[in-house]
Amino acid sequence: MGAYTANVLGGLIVSSLAQAALSRAGIPETKRKQYFLYLDEFQSFTSTAIADMLSELRKYRLGLTLATQYSSRLEEPIREAIFGNVGTLLSFRLGASDATVVSRQFGANVPTPADLTKLPNFEMFLKLMVGSKQSKVFSAQSRNLS
């Protein structure tokens, strides 16, 4: 399967899952089962329609984990929708242009863009949504699984 076909198929699957989540409108929120969707290189499957639905999907208990190597590959409206709705933000080492964008999303001047460009392998900065409260930014280290 070529890249174009994979992207079209991925987009159809993501759209179908979003529609399935939205179809649970008649179920009381407390009775909706939580589902999670993990998308790596999600810029390949994301449209402005999905970006517009991000805030709505949370109400229908569809949690999203979105991963991309370059936020600069996202269209501006999509990037704004994601950063406007993100609860948890995690970043490993970034290039200079992405570091400037992501640093602003962490807020509080920590980490700086320079901090994000100089992170050693397996180290990251995080800001978590715990319940309905945002944690302070902190650093952590992941394990080398290779």
C-alpha atoms as a PDB file:
ATOM      1  CA  MET A   1       0.000   0.000   0.000  1.00  0.00           C
ATOM      2  CA  GLY A   2       1.449   3.378  -0.980  1.00  0.00           C
ATOM      3  CA  ALA A   3       1.673   6.449   1.240  1.00  0.00           C
ATOM      4  CA  TYR A   4      -1.250   8.189  -0.470  1.00  0.00           C
ATOM      5  CA  THR A   5      -3.541   5.182  -0.032  1.00  0.00           C
ATOM      6  CA  ALA A   6      -2.449   4.758   3.601  1.00  0.00           C
ATOM      7  CA  ASN A   7      -3.172   8.437   4.325  1.00  0.00           C
ATOM      8  CA  VAL A   8      -6.623   8.281   2.717  1.00  0.00           C
ATOM      9  CA  LEU A   9      -7.460   5.069   4.574  1.00  0.00           C
ATOM     10  CA  GLY A  10      -6.152   6.519   7.852  1.00  0.00           C
ATOM     11  CA  GLY A  11      -8.233   9.661   7.345  1.00  0.00           C
ATOM     12  CA  LEU A  12     -11.360   7.586   6.744  1.00  0.00           C
ATOM     13  CA  ILE A  13     -10.745   5.540   9.888  1.00  0.00           C
ATOM     14  CA  VAL A  14     -10.151   8.654  12.020  1.00  0.00           C
ATOM     15  CA  SER A  15     -13.293  10.310  10.638  1.00  0.00           C
ATOM     16  CA  SER A  16     -15.321   7.154  11.284  1.00  0.00           C
ATOM     17  CA  LEU A  17     -14.089   6.923  14.877  1.00  0.00           C
ATOM     18  CA  ALA A  18     -14.869  10.604  15.474  1.00  0.00           C
ATOM     19  CA  GLN A  19     -18.377  10.111  14.097  1.00  0.00           C
ATOM     20  CA  ALA A  20     -18.840   7.014  16.278  1.00  0.00           C
ATOM     21  CA  ALA A  21     -17.867   9.052  19.349  1.00  0.00           C
ATOM     22  CA  LEU A  22     -20.261  11.860  18.420  1.00  0.00           C
ATOM     23  CA  SER A  23     -23.077   9.358  17.868  1.00  0.00           C
ATOM     24  CA  ARG A  24     -23.122   8.714  21.621  1.00  0.00           C
ATOM     25  CA  ALA A  25     -24.879  12.035  22.224  1.00  0.00           C
ATOM     26  CA  GLY A  26     -27.992  10.235  23.500  1.00  0.00           C
ATOM     27  CA  ILE A  27     -26.036   8.405  26.210  1.00  0.00           C
ATOM     28  CA  PRO A  28     -25.608  10.320  29.489  1.00  0.00           C
ATOM     29  CA  GLU A  29     -22.000  11.481  29.840  1.00  0.00           C
ATOM     30  CA  THR A  30     -21.500   9.507  33.063  1.00  0.00           C
ATOM     31  CA  LYS A  31     -22.476   6.279  31.267  1.00  0.00           C
ATOM     32  CA  ARG A  32     -20.249   6.725  28.226  1.00  0.00           C
ATOM     33  CA  LYS A  33     -17.355   4.287  28.100  1.00  0.00           C
ATOM     34  CA  GLN A  34     -13.913   5.896  27.708  1.00  0.00           C
ATOM     35  CA  TYR A  35     -12.076   5.134  24.460  1.00  0.00           C
ATOM     36  CA  PHE A  36      -8.610   6.158  23.334  1.00  0.00           C
ATOM     37  CA  LEU A  37      -7.236   6.790  19.864  1.00  0.00           C
ATOM     38  CA  TYR A  38      -3.465   6.872  19.322  1.00  0.00           C
ATOM     39  CA  LEU A  39      -2.233   8.510  16.121  1.00  0.00           C
ATOM     40  CA  ASP A  40       1.433   8.585  15.170  1.00  0.00           C
ATOM     41  CA  GLU A  41       2.356  11.000  12.366  1.00  0.00           C
ATOM     42  CA  PHE A  42      -1.206  12.246  12.731  1.00  0.00           C
ATOM     43  CA  GLN A  43      -0.677  15.159  10.348  1.00  0.00           C
ATOM     44  CA  SER A  44      -1.183  12.565   7.602  1.00  0.00           C
ATOM     45  CA  PHE A  45      -4.740  11.811   8.762  1.00  0.00           C
ATOM     46  CA  THR A  46      -5.928  15.107  10.188  1.00  0.00           C
ATOM     47  CA  SER A  47      -8.208  17.542   8.434  1.00  0.00           C
ATOM     48  CA  THR A  48      -9.602  20.863   9.573  1.00  0.00           C
ATOM     49  CA  ALA A  49     -12.929  19.065  10.176  1.00  0.00           C
ATOM     50  CA  ILE A  50     -11.271  16.767  12.728  1.00  0.00           C
ATOM     51  CA  ALA A  51      -9.469  19.731  14.294  1.00  0.00           C
ATOM     52  CA  ASP A  52     -12.817  21.471  14.731  1.00  0.00           C
ATOM     53  CA  MET A  53     -14.156  18.387  16.518  1.00  0.00           C
ATOM     54  CA  LEU A  54     -11.311  18.127  19.055  1.00  0.00           C
ATOM     55  CA  SER A  55     -13.064  19.968  21.853  1.00  0.00           C
ATOM     56  CA  GLU A  56     -16.284  18.058  21.191  1.00  0.00           C
ATOM     57  CA  LEU A  57     -14.664  14.618  21.213  1.00  0.00           C
ATOM     58  CA  ARG A  58     -13.548  15.013  24.824  1.00  0.00           C
ATOM     59  CA  LYS A  59     -17.206  15.384  25.887  1.00  0.00           C
ATOM     60  CA  TYR A  60     -17.916  12.027  24.258  1.00  0.00           C
ATOM     61  CA  ARG A  61     -15.046  10.377  26.137  1.00  0.00           C
ATOM     62  CA  LEU A  62     -12.712   9.849  23.213  1.00  0.00           C
ATOM     63  CA  GLY A  63      -9.182  10.548  24.409  1.00  0.00           C
ATOM     64  CA  LEU A  64      -6.599  11.349  21.760  1.00  0.00           C
ATOM     65  CA  THR A  65      -2.849  10.833  21.817  1.00  0.00           C
ATOM     66  CA  LEU A  66      -1.395  12.725  18.866  1.00  0.00           C
ATOM     67  CA  ALA A  67       2.253  12.357  17.873  1.00  0.00           C
ATOM     68  CA  THR A  68       4.184  14.151  15.168  1.00  0.00           C
ATOM     69  CA  GLN A  69       7.842  14.856  14.582  1.00  0.00           C
ATOM     70  CA  TYR A  70       7.253  18.332  13.179  1.00  0.00           C
ATOM     71  CA  SER A  71       4.428  20.628  14.260  1.00  0.00           C
ATOM     72  CA  SER A  72       5.425  22.829  11.323  1.00  0.00           C
ATOM     73  CA  ARG A  73       3.892  20.185   9.007  1.00  0.00           C
ATOM     74  CA  LEU A  74       0.464  20.976  10.444  1.00  0.00           C
ATOM     75  CA  GLU A  75      -1.758  23.565   8.867  1.00  0.00           C
ATOM     76  CA  GLU A  76      -2.069  26.607  11.158  1.00  0.00           C
ATOM     77  CA  PRO A  77      -5.796  26.101  12.015  1.00  0.00           C
ATOM     78  CA  ILE A  78      -5.099  22.479  12.945  1.00  0.00           C
ATOM     79  CA  ARG A  79      -2.086  23.399  15.098  1.00  0.00           C
ATOM     80  CA  GLU A  80      -4.138  26.086  16.884  1.00  0.00           C
ATOM     81  CA  ALA A  81      -7.030  23.673  17.496  1.00  0.00           C
ATOM     82  CA  ILE A  82      -4.691  21.072  18.950  1.00  0.00           C
ATOM     83  CA  PHE A  83      -2.783  23.421  21.238  1.00  0.00           C
ATOM     84  CA  GLY A  84      -6.055  25.064  22.253  1.00  0.00           C
ATOM     85  CA  ASN A  85      -7.513  21.750  23.425  1.00  0.00           C
ATOM     86  CA  VAL A  86      -4.528  19.797  24.695  1.00  0.00           C
ATOM     87  CA  GLY A  87      -4.637  18.653  28.320  1.00  0.00           C
ATOM     88  CA  THR A  88      -1.234  16.978  28.502  1.00  0.00           C
ATOM     89  CA  LEU A  89       1.814  18.153  26.575  1.00  0.00           C
ATOM     90  CA  LEU A  90       5.013  16.117  26.278  1.00  0.00           C
ATOM     91  CA  SER A  91       8.056  17.054  24.250  1.00  0.00           C
ATOM     92  CA  PHE A  92      11.367  15.409  23.524  1.00  0.00           C
ATOM     93  CA  ARG A  93      14.195  17.301  21.732  1.00  0.00           C
ATOM     94  CA  LEU A  94      12.951  19.624  18.989  1.00  0.00           C
ATOM     95  CA  GLY A  95      14.306  21.635  16.109  1.00  0.00           C
ATOM     96  CA  ALA A  96      14.523  25.409  16.533  1.00  0.00           C
ATOM     97  CA  SER A  97      11.264  26.365  14.791  1.00  0.00           C
ATOM     98  CA  ASP A  98       9.174  23.773  16.651  1.00  0.00           C
ATOM     99  CA  ALA A  99      10.927  24.602  19.943  1.00  0.00           C
ATOM    100  CA  THR A 100       9.720  28.207  19.753  1.00  0.00           C
ATOM    101  CA  VAL A 101       6.106  27.131  19.179  1.00  0.00           C
ATOM    102  CA  VAL A 102       6.080  24.372  21.802  1.00  0.00           C
ATOM    103  CA  SER A 103       7.901  26.448  24.430  1.00  0.00           C
ATOM    104  CA  ARG A 104       5.053  28.985  24.315  1.00  0.00           C
ATOM    105  CA  GLN A 105       2.559  26.181  24.911  1.00  0.00           C
ATOM    106  CA  PHE A 106       4.335  25.130  28.088  1.00  0.00           C
ATOM    107  CA  GLY A 107       4.178  28.739  29.336  1.00  0.00           C
ATOM    108  CA  ALA A 108       5.941  30.054  32.453  1.00  0.00           C
ATOM    109  CA  ASN A 109       9.201  30.534  30.467  1.00  0.00           C
ATOM    110  CA  VAL A 110      10.232  26.977  31.297  1.00  0.00           C
ATOM    111  CA  PRO A 111      11.367  25.267  29.177  1.00  0.00           C
ATOM    112  CA  THR A 112      12.928  27.824  26.879  1.00  0.00           C
ATOM    113  CA  PRO A 113      13.288  27.064  23.173  1.00  0.00           C
ATOM    114  CA  ALA A 114      16.994  26.470  23.843  1.00  0.00           C
ATOM    115  CA  ASP A 115      16.118  23.938  26.563  1.00  0.00           C
ATOM    116  CA  LEU A 116      13.958  22.027  24.076  1.00  0.00           C
ATOM    117  CA  THR A 117      16.636  21.967  21.364  1.00  0.00           C
ATOM    118  CA  LYS A 118      19.345  20.685  23.736  1.00  0.00           C
ATOM    119  CA  LEU A 119      17.498  17.838  25.446  1.00  0.00           C
ATOM    120  CA  PRO A 120      19.566  14.649  25.620  1.00  0.00           C
ATOM    121  CA  ASN A 121      18.145  11.428  24.198  1.00  0.00           C
ATOM    122  CA  PHE A 122      15.271   9.988  26.249  1.00  0.00           C
ATOM    123  CA  GLU A 123      14.705  13.212  28.231  1.00  0.00           C
ATOM    124  CA  MET A 124      11.501  15.246  27.973  1.00  0.00           C
ATOM    125  CA  PHE A 125       9.481  18.109  29.385  1.00  0.00           C
ATOM    126  CA  LEU A 126       5.854  17.506  30.387  1.00  0.00           C
ATOM    127  CA  LYS A 127       2.795  19.373  31.534  1.00  0.00           C
ATOM    128  CA  LEU A 128      -0.015  17.075  32.658  1.00  0.00           C
ATOM    129  CA  MET A 129      -3.738  17.450  33.065  1.00  0.00           C
ATOM    130  CA  VAL A 130      -4.542  15.773  36.378  1.00  0.00           C
ATOM    131  CA  GLY A 131      -8.288  15.672  36.851  1.00  0.00           C
ATOM    132  CA  SER A 132      -9.258  19.181  35.834  1.00  0.00           C
ATOM    133  CA  LYS A 133      -6.009  20.838  36.974  1.00  0.00           C
ATOM    134  CA  GLN A 134      -2.867  21.525  34.984  1.00  0.00           C
ATOM    135  CA  SER A 135       0.420  20.449  36.586  1.00  0.00           C
ATOM    136  CA  LYS A 136       3.524  22.593  36.627  1.00  0.00           C
ATOM    137  CA  VAL A 137       6.028  21.857  33.867  1.00  0.00           C
ATOM    138  CA  PHE A 138       8.574  19.227  34.848  1.00  0.00           C
ATOM    139  CA  SER A 139      11.260  17.137  33.206  1.00  0.00           C
ATOM    140  CA  ALA A 140      11.475  13.353  33.093  1.00  0.00           C
ATOM    141  CA  GLN A 141      13.473  10.600  31.499  1.00  0.00           C
ATOM    142  CA  SER A 142      12.126   7.658  29.510  1.00  0.00           C
ATOM    143  CA  ARG A 143      13.765   4.280  29.328  1.00  0.00           C
ATOM    144  CA  ASN A 144      15.852   3.198  26.384  1.00  0.00           C
ATOM    145  CA  LEU A 145      13.901   0.228  25.037  1.00  0.00           C
ATOM    146  CA  SER A 146      16.360  -0.686  22.294  1.00  0.00           C
END
